[in-house]
Amino acid sequence: MEWNDPATGGLPACDGCVIRDGTISSCVIGIDMDEGTARTSVQRVRFLSQTIAAIVDYLGIGNSYGSNDYAGIAPAAVPVSTSAPPNDVFTCR
């Protein structure tokens, strides 16, 4: 999701978005929210194959996630992380 770019006055770029009733299959992170993501909801989504986290919510504001299916993520992955992902995380291994 887009970040809160100072060039835009620091306003959230993804504000009030809704992600629901779908499947996300990706190799590292399913949904990556950062400081530009506010009041975004992730509901009833099935996550498959993520190795770091299904959802990363790093510095987001008022985001919510519930009734999601995390059974398909890798054993070492977490359903939700609030930590910044490593710099090289977007490279599939």
C-alpha atoms as a PDB file:
ATOM      1  CA  MET A   1       0.000   0.000   0.000  1.00  0.00           C
ATOM      2  CA  GLU A   2       1.207   3.508  -0.658  1.00  0.00           C
ATOM      3  CA  TRP A   3       3.020   5.427   2.027  1.00  0.00           C
ATOM      4  CA  ASN A   4       2.495   8.839   3.491  1.00  0.00           C
ATOM      5  CA  ASP A   5       4.831  10.772   1.187  1.00  0.00           C
ATOM      6  CA  PRO A   6       5.935  14.130   2.620  1.00  0.00           C
ATOM      7  CA  ALA A   7       5.599  15.556  -0.918  1.00  0.00           C
ATOM      8  CA  THR A   8       1.816  15.094  -0.622  1.00  0.00           C
ATOM      9  CA  GLY A   9       1.667  16.856   2.720  1.00  0.00           C
ATOM     10  CA  GLY A  10       2.023  13.622   4.687  1.00  0.00           C
ATOM     11  CA  LEU A  11      -1.584  12.552   4.134  1.00  0.00           C
ATOM     12  CA  PRO A  12      -2.357   8.817   4.202  1.00  0.00           C
ATOM     13  CA  ALA A  13      -2.393   7.374   0.692  1.00  0.00           C
ATOM     14  CA  CYS A  14      -4.551   4.329   1.495  1.00  0.00           C
ATOM     15  CA  ASP A  15      -7.274   5.581   3.809  1.00  0.00           C
ATOM     16  CA  GLY A  16     -10.391   3.541   4.444  1.00  0.00           C
ATOM     17  CA  CYS A  17      -9.605   0.779   1.945  1.00  0.00           C
ATOM     18  CA  VAL A  18     -11.341  -2.594   2.266  1.00  0.00           C
ATOM     19  CA  ILE A  19      -9.745  -5.903   1.257  1.00  0.00           C
ATOM     20  CA  ARG A  20     -12.074  -8.873   1.737  1.00  0.00           C
ATOM     21  CA  ASP A  21     -13.380 -12.212   0.542  1.00  0.00           C
ATOM     22  CA  GLY A  22     -10.397 -13.274  -1.516  1.00  0.00           C
ATOM     23  CA  THR A  23      -7.205 -15.304  -1.638  1.00  0.00           C
ATOM     24  CA  ILE A  24      -3.695 -13.887  -1.697  1.00  0.00           C
ATOM     25  CA  SER A  25      -0.934 -16.254  -2.769  1.00  0.00           C
ATOM     26  CA  SER A  26       2.526 -14.695  -2.665  1.00  0.00           C
ATOM     27  CA  CYS A  27       5.986 -15.805  -1.701  1.00  0.00           C
ATOM     28  CA  VAL A  28       7.001 -13.298   1.001  1.00  0.00           C
ATOM     29  CA  ILE A  29       4.280 -10.947   2.325  1.00  0.00           C
ATOM     30  CA  GLY A  30       0.582 -10.970   1.480  1.00  0.00           C
ATOM     31  CA  ILE A  31      -0.380  -7.377   2.331  1.00  0.00           C
ATOM     32  CA  ASP A  32       2.179  -4.704   3.218  1.00  0.00           C
ATOM     33  CA  MET A  33       0.739  -1.678   5.021  1.00  0.00           C
ATOM     34  CA  ASP A  34       2.975   1.131   6.206  1.00  0.00           C
ATOM     35  CA  GLU A  35       2.648   4.622   7.647  1.00  0.00           C
ATOM     36  CA  GLY A  36       0.537   5.771   4.727  1.00  0.00           C
ATOM     37  CA  THR A  37      -2.138   3.180   5.441  1.00  0.00           C
ATOM     38  CA  ALA A  38      -4.984   4.291   7.716  1.00  0.00           C
ATOM     39  CA  ARG A  39      -8.325   2.744   8.652  1.00  0.00           C
ATOM     40  CA  THR A  40      -7.830  -0.105   6.170  1.00  0.00           C
ATOM     41  CA  SER A  41      -9.665  -3.366   6.801  1.00  0.00           C
ATOM     42  CA  VAL A  42      -8.608  -6.887   5.804  1.00  0.00           C
ATOM     43  CA  GLN A  43     -11.476  -9.327   6.335  1.00  0.00           C
ATOM     44  CA  ARG A  44     -12.168 -12.934   5.347  1.00  0.00           C
ATOM     45  CA  VAL A  45      -9.009 -13.270   3.226  1.00  0.00           C
ATOM     46  CA  ARG A  46      -7.187 -16.582   2.766  1.00  0.00           C
ATOM     47  CA  PHE A  47      -3.384 -16.283   2.725  1.00  0.00           C
ATOM     48  CA  LEU A  48      -1.148 -18.843   0.985  1.00  0.00           C
ATOM     49  CA  SER A  49       2.636 -19.370   0.859  1.00  0.00           C
ATOM     50  CA  GLN A  50       3.893 -16.225   2.623  1.00  0.00           C
ATOM     51  CA  THR A  51       7.293 -16.803   4.282  1.00  0.00           C
ATOM     52  CA  ILE A  52       7.534 -13.622   6.424  1.00  0.00           C
ATOM     53  CA  ALA A  53       3.957 -12.584   7.264  1.00  0.00           C
ATOM     54  CA  ALA A  54       0.478 -12.657   5.804  1.00  0.00           C
ATOM     55  CA  ILE A  55       0.044  -9.001   6.806  1.00  0.00           C
ATOM     56  CA  VAL A  56       2.693  -6.425   7.686  1.00  0.00           C
ATOM     57  CA  ASP A  57       1.167  -3.391   9.396  1.00  0.00           C
ATOM     58  CA  TYR A  58       4.212  -1.214  10.066  1.00  0.00           C
ATOM     59  CA  LEU A  59       3.260   2.207  11.472  1.00  0.00           C
ATOM     60  CA  GLY A  60      -0.266   1.992  10.052  1.00  0.00           C
ATOM     61  CA  ILE A  61      -3.033   3.949  11.789  1.00  0.00           C
ATOM     62  CA  GLY A  62      -6.254   2.278  12.913  1.00  0.00           C
ATOM     63  CA  ASN A  63      -6.027  -0.672  10.525  1.00  0.00           C
ATOM     64  CA  SER A  64      -7.990  -3.836  11.304  1.00  0.00           C
ATOM     65  CA  TYR A  65      -7.877  -7.473  10.258  1.00  0.00           C
ATOM     66  CA  GLY A  66     -10.182 -10.282  11.281  1.00  0.00           C
ATOM     67  CA  SER A  67     -11.743 -13.583  10.266  1.00  0.00           C
ATOM     68  CA  ASN A  68      -8.783 -14.273   7.974  1.00  0.00           C
ATOM     69  CA  ASP A  69      -7.425 -17.744   7.179  1.00  0.00           C
ATOM     70  CA  TYR A  70      -3.700 -17.971   7.888  1.00  0.00           C
ATOM     71  CA  ALA A  71      -3.469 -21.788   7.734  1.00  0.00           C
ATOM     72  CA  GLY A  72      -1.644 -21.712   4.379  1.00  0.00           C
ATOM     73  CA  ILE A  73       1.301 -19.495   5.374  1.00  0.00           C
ATOM     74  CA  ALA A  74       4.770 -21.018   5.852  1.00  0.00           C
ATOM     75  CA  PRO A  75       5.526 -22.527   9.285  1.00  0.00           C
ATOM     76  CA  ALA A  76       8.023 -19.760  10.159  1.00  0.00           C
ATOM     77  CA  ALA A  77       5.718 -16.928   9.005  1.00  0.00           C
ATOM     78  CA  VAL A  78       3.428 -14.956  11.307  1.00  0.00           C
ATOM     79  CA  PRO A  79      -0.153 -13.931  10.603  1.00  0.00           C
ATOM     80  CA  VAL A  80       0.435 -10.233  11.398  1.00  0.00           C
ATOM     81  CA  SER A  81       3.700  -8.363  11.935  1.00  0.00           C
ATOM     82  CA  THR A  82       4.077  -4.783  13.133  1.00  0.00           C
ATOM     83  CA  SER A  83       7.823  -4.736  12.431  1.00  0.00           C
ATOM     84  CA  ALA A  84       9.481  -3.247   9.371  1.00  0.00           C
ATOM     85  CA  PRO A  85      10.329  -5.981   6.881  1.00  0.00           C
ATOM     86  CA  PRO A  86      14.032  -6.508   6.088  1.00  0.00           C
ATOM     87  CA  ASN A  87      15.301  -4.518   3.087  1.00  0.00           C
ATOM     88  CA  ASP A  88      15.751  -7.588   0.907  1.00  0.00           C
ATOM     89  CA  VAL A  89      12.391  -9.123   1.832  1.00  0.00           C
ATOM     90  CA  PHE A  90      10.744  -8.541  -1.526  1.00  0.00           C
ATOM     91  CA  THR A  91      12.959 -11.052  -3.299  1.00  0.00           C
ATOM     92  CA  CYS A  92      11.346 -14.492  -3.573  1.00  0.00           C
ATOM     93  CA  ARG A  93      13.647 -17.300  -2.607  1.00  0.00           C
END
